[in-house]
PDB file of N, CA and C in Angstrom:
ATOM      1  N   MET A   1      19.270  85.053 -25.659  1.00  0.00           N
ATOM      2  CA  MET A   1      20.037  85.133 -26.956  1.00  0.00           C
ATOM      3  C   MET A   1      21.119  84.264 -27.028  1.00  0.00           C
ATOM      4  N   THR A   2      22.009  84.332 -25.898  1.00  0.00           N
ATOM      5  CA  THR A   2      23.209  83.369 -25.839  1.00  0.00           C
ATOM      6  C   THR A   2      22.861  81.882 -25.838  1.00  0.00           C
ATOM      7  N   ILE A   3      21.804  81.629 -24.915  1.00  0.00           N
ATOM      8  CA  ILE A   3      21.364  80.331 -24.935  1.00  0.00           C
ATOM      9  C   ILE A   3      20.827  79.650 -26.360  1.00  0.00           C
ATOM     10  N   GLN A   4      20.067  80.578 -26.920  1.00  0.00           N
ATOM     11  CA  GLN A   4      19.403  80.200 -28.113  1.00  0.00           C
ATOM     12  C   GLN A   4      20.652  79.808 -29.112  1.00  0.00           C
ATOM     13  N   LYS A   5      21.762  80.632 -29.174  1.00  0.00           N
ATOM     14  CA  LYS A   5      22.899  80.450 -30.072  1.00  0.00           C
ATOM     15  C   LYS A   5      23.442  79.076 -29.789  1.00  0.00           C
ATOM     16  N   VAL A   6      23.635  78.826 -28.405  1.00  0.00           N
ATOM     17  CA  VAL A   6      24.351  77.629 -27.909  1.00  0.00           C
ATOM     18  C   VAL A   6      23.448  76.275 -28.376  1.00  0.00           C
ATOM     19  N   ILE A   7      22.165  76.489 -28.302  1.00  0.00           N
ATOM     20  CA  ILE A   7      21.367  75.322 -28.772  1.00  0.00           C
ATOM     21  C   ILE A   7      21.440  75.049 -30.289  1.00  0.00           C
ATOM     22  N   GLN A   8      21.453  76.333 -30.896  1.00  0.00           N
ATOM     23  CA  GLN A   8      21.356  76.248 -32.279  1.00  0.00           C
ATOM     24  C   GLN A   8      22.759  75.452 -32.996  1.00  0.00           C
ATOM     25  N   TYR A   9      23.898  75.909 -32.162  1.00  0.00           N
ATOM     26  CA  TYR A   9      25.291  75.444 -32.482  1.00  0.00           C
ATOM     27  C   TYR A   9      25.145  73.907 -32.169  1.00  0.00           C
ATOM     28  N   ALA A  10      24.647  73.449 -30.931  1.00  0.00           N
ATOM     29  CA  ALA A  10      24.646  72.068 -30.696  1.00  0.00           C
ATOM     30  C   ALA A  10      23.709  71.177 -31.546  1.00  0.00           C
ATOM     31  N   CYS A  11      22.686  71.884 -32.016  1.00  0.00           N
ATOM     32  CA  CYS A  11      21.708  71.089 -33.110  1.00  0.00           C
ATOM     33  C   CYS A  11      22.599  70.943 -34.422  1.00  0.00           C
ATOM     34  N   SER A  12      23.205  71.887 -34.708  1.00  0.00           N
ATOM     35  CA  SER A  12      24.032  71.922 -35.997  1.00  0.00           C
ATOM     36  C   SER A  12      25.047  70.876 -35.932  1.00  0.00           C
ATOM     37  N   ILE A  13      25.815  70.778 -34.870  1.00  0.00           N
ATOM     38  CA  ILE A  13      26.723  69.600 -34.666  1.00  0.00           C
ATOM     39  C   ILE A  13      26.220  68.306 -34.701  1.00  0.00           C
ATOM     40  N   LEU A  14      24.986  68.276 -34.103  1.00  0.00           N
ATOM     41  CA  LEU A  14      24.348  66.855 -33.948  1.00  0.00           C
ATOM     42  C   LEU A  14      23.881  66.633 -35.159  1.00  0.00           C
ATOM     43  N   GLY A  15      23.299  67.390 -36.046  1.00  0.00           N
ATOM     44  CA  GLY A  15      22.897  67.042 -37.403  1.00  0.00           C
ATOM     45  C   GLY A  15      24.025  66.654 -38.323  1.00  0.00           C
ATOM     46  N   VAL A  16      25.178  67.470 -38.122  1.00  0.00           N
ATOM     47  CA  VAL A  16      26.299  67.000 -38.913  1.00  0.00           C
ATOM     48  C   VAL A  16      26.907  65.457 -38.592  1.00  0.00           C
ATOM     49  N   VAL A  17      26.864  65.312 -37.247  1.00  0.00           N
ATOM     50  CA  VAL A  17      27.364  64.061 -36.744  1.00  0.00           C
ATOM     51  C   VAL A  17      26.459  62.853 -37.186  1.00  0.00           C
ATOM     52  N   SER A  18      25.148  63.056 -36.898  1.00  0.00           N
ATOM     53  CA  SER A  18      24.248  62.017 -37.391  1.00  0.00           C
ATOM     54  C   SER A  18      24.388  61.717 -38.932  1.00  0.00           C
ATOM     55  N   LEU A  19      24.480  62.878 -39.675  1.00  0.00           N
ATOM     56  CA  LEU A  19      24.620  62.651 -41.162  1.00  0.00           C
ATOM     57  C   LEU A  19      25.833  61.892 -41.488  1.00  0.00           C
ATOM     58  N   SER A  20      26.927  62.267 -40.908  1.00  0.00           N
ATOM     59  CA  SER A  20      28.121  61.502 -41.253  1.00  0.00           C
ATOM     60  C   SER A  20      28.054  60.160 -40.779  1.00  0.00           C
ATOM     61  N   PHE A  21      27.355  59.817 -39.517  1.00  0.00           N
ATOM     62  CA  PHE A  21      27.235  58.588 -39.076  1.00  0.00           C
ATOM     63  C   PHE A  21      26.478  57.755 -40.059  1.00  0.00           C
ATOM     64  N   ILE A  22      25.411  58.267 -40.598  1.00  0.00           N
ATOM     65  CA  ILE A  22      24.391  57.440 -41.671  1.00  0.00           C
ATOM     66  C   ILE A  22      25.245  57.279 -42.921  1.00  0.00           C
ATOM     67  N   TYR A  23      26.056  58.266 -43.330  1.00  0.00           N
ATOM     68  CA  TYR A  23      26.883  58.072 -44.547  1.00  0.00           C
ATOM     69  C   TYR A  23      27.930  56.963 -44.282  1.00  0.00           C
ATOM     70  N   ALA A  24      28.406  57.020 -42.937  1.00  0.00           N
ATOM     71  CA  ALA A  24      29.539  55.767 -42.696  1.00  0.00           C
ATOM     72  C   ALA A  24      28.739  54.513 -42.837  1.00  0.00           C
ATOM     73  N   GLN A  25      27.680  54.434 -42.311  1.00  0.00           N
ATOM     74  CA  GLN A  25      26.870  53.103 -42.245  1.00  0.00           C
ATOM     75  C   GLN A  25      26.492  52.682 -43.598  1.00  0.00           C
ATOM     76  N   MET A  26      26.131  53.634 -44.490  1.00  0.00           N
ATOM     77  CA  MET A  26      25.788  53.265 -45.744  1.00  0.00           C
ATOM     78  C   MET A  26      27.130  53.019 -46.600  1.00  0.00           C
ATOM     79  N   PHE A  27      28.272  53.510 -46.397  1.00  0.00           N
ATOM     80  CA  PHE A  27      29.468  53.347 -47.083  1.00  0.00           C
ATOM     81  C   PHE A  27      29.838  51.794 -46.609  1.00  0.00           C
ATOM     82  N   LYS A  28      29.826  51.619 -45.300  1.00  0.00           N
ATOM     83  CA  LYS A  28      30.102  50.287 -44.931  1.00  0.00           C
ATOM     84  C   LYS A  28      29.258  49.080 -45.577  1.00  0.00           C
ATOM     85  N   LYS A  29      27.909  49.573 -45.685  1.00  0.00           N
ATOM     86  CA  LYS A  29      27.089  48.334 -46.335  1.00  0.00           C
ATOM     87  C   LYS A  29      27.548  48.081 -47.544  1.00  0.00           C
ATOM     88  N   THR A  30      27.656  49.336 -48.491  1.00  0.00           N
ATOM     89  CA  THR A  30      28.135  49.124 -49.999  1.00  0.00           C
ATOM     90  C   THR A  30      29.549  48.402 -50.041  1.00  0.00           C
ATOM     91  N   LYS A  31      30.462  48.795 -48.981  1.00  0.00           N
ATOM     92  CA  LYS A  31      31.770  48.193 -48.994  1.00  0.00           C
ATOM     93  C   LYS A  31      31.925  47.094 -48.040  1.00  0.00           C
ATOM     94  N   PRO A  32      31.467  45.773 -48.358  1.00  0.00           N
ATOM     95  CA  PRO A  32      31.688  44.630 -47.376  1.00  0.00           C
ATOM     96  C   PRO A  32      33.242  44.480 -47.024  1.00  0.00           C
ATOM     97  N   SER A  33      33.623  44.929 -45.807  1.00  0.00           N
ATOM     98  CA  SER A  33      35.001  44.424 -45.562  1.00  0.00           C
ATOM     99  C   SER A  33      35.143  43.748 -44.226  1.00  0.00           C
ATOM    100  N   LYS A  34      34.293  42.648 -44.282  1.00  0.00           N
ATOM    101  CA  LYS A  34      34.281  41.788 -43.040  1.00  0.00           C
ATOM    102  C   LYS A  34      35.700  41.186 -42.803  1.00  0.00           C
ATOM    103  N   LYS A  35      36.475  40.930 -43.842  1.00  0.00           N
ATOM    104  CA  LYS A  35      37.755  40.170 -43.709  1.00  0.00           C
ATOM    105  C   LYS A  35      38.733  41.274 -43.293  1.00  0.00           C
ATOM    106  N   ASN A  36      38.654  42.627 -43.599  1.00  0.00           N
ATOM    107  CA  ASN A  36      39.517  43.625 -43.033  1.00  0.00           C
ATOM    108  C   ASN A  36      39.219  44.046 -41.621  1.00  0.00           C
ATOM    109  N   ASN A  37      37.896  43.930 -41.291  1.00  0.00           N
ATOM    110  CA  ASN A  37      37.533  44.390 -39.955  1.00  0.00           C
ATOM    111  C   ASN A  37      36.954  43.103 -39.155  1.00  0.00           C
ATOM    112  N   PRO A  38      37.685  42.125 -38.634  1.00  0.00           N
ATOM    113  CA  PRO A  38      37.166  41.068 -37.930  1.00  0.00           C
ATOM    114  C   PRO A  38      36.641  41.510 -36.416  1.00  0.00           C
ATOM    115  N   THR A  39      36.866  42.713 -36.036  1.00  0.00           N
ATOM    116  CA  THR A  39      36.285  43.103 -34.698  1.00  0.00           C
ATOM    117  C   THR A  39      34.730  43.374 -34.814  1.00  0.00           C
ATOM    118  N   GLU A  40      34.389  43.747 -36.071  1.00  0.00           N
ATOM    119  CA  GLU A  40      33.044  44.288 -36.334  1.00  0.00           C
ATOM    120  C   GLU A  40      32.210  43.058 -36.935  1.00  0.00           C
ATOM    121  N   ASN A  41      31.058  42.838 -36.208  1.00  0.00           N
ATOM    122  CA  ASN A  41      30.198  41.568 -36.677  1.00  0.00           C
ATOM    123  C   ASN A  41      29.336  42.261 -37.788  1.00  0.00           C
TER     124      ASN A  41
END
């Protein structure tokens, strides 16, 4: 039972992280800030 809870918690965190990552990527694509961020290609 505990292992299942841990796995569920990890999956939930992974889902949130991946969702926020995709959202950040989309936001970066919509807002071209190459002049502000010279480190990113």
